[in-house]
Amino acid sequence: MNIDPETKQLQDSIQRSKVERAKALTSGQRLIESVRLFDQVRDRIKAGIRMKNPEWSATEVHQAFLDTLRLQRLRQEKDIYTIAGSIDDQGSTAHLQQGM
């Protein structure tokens, strides 16, 4: 995609402005902003689910949203964690054998 220099300059200026505003926020303000952004994304995802499944109840839409989050998390965490063993009720550890 070829962007003309004037548009690119405007985009860069907007980005710099956003970064400067973000840097000026306190940690409390950042937390509030992150919750607000999550709420916006949640509402958009649910609206998309509702559009694809207009017959679904609010509960079904919400469950589909939770499933979407769970699947996204699984994709992001794939191969990050390795099961190395387990701890029984008495606190004893059991290590897994390789190849199992």
Foldseek 3Di string as FASTA:
>chain_A
DDDDPVVVVVVVVVVVVVVVVVVPDDPVVVVVVVVVVVVVVLVVQLVVVCVVPVPDDPVVSVVVSVVVVVVVVCVVCPPVDDDQWDADPVRDTDGDDPPD
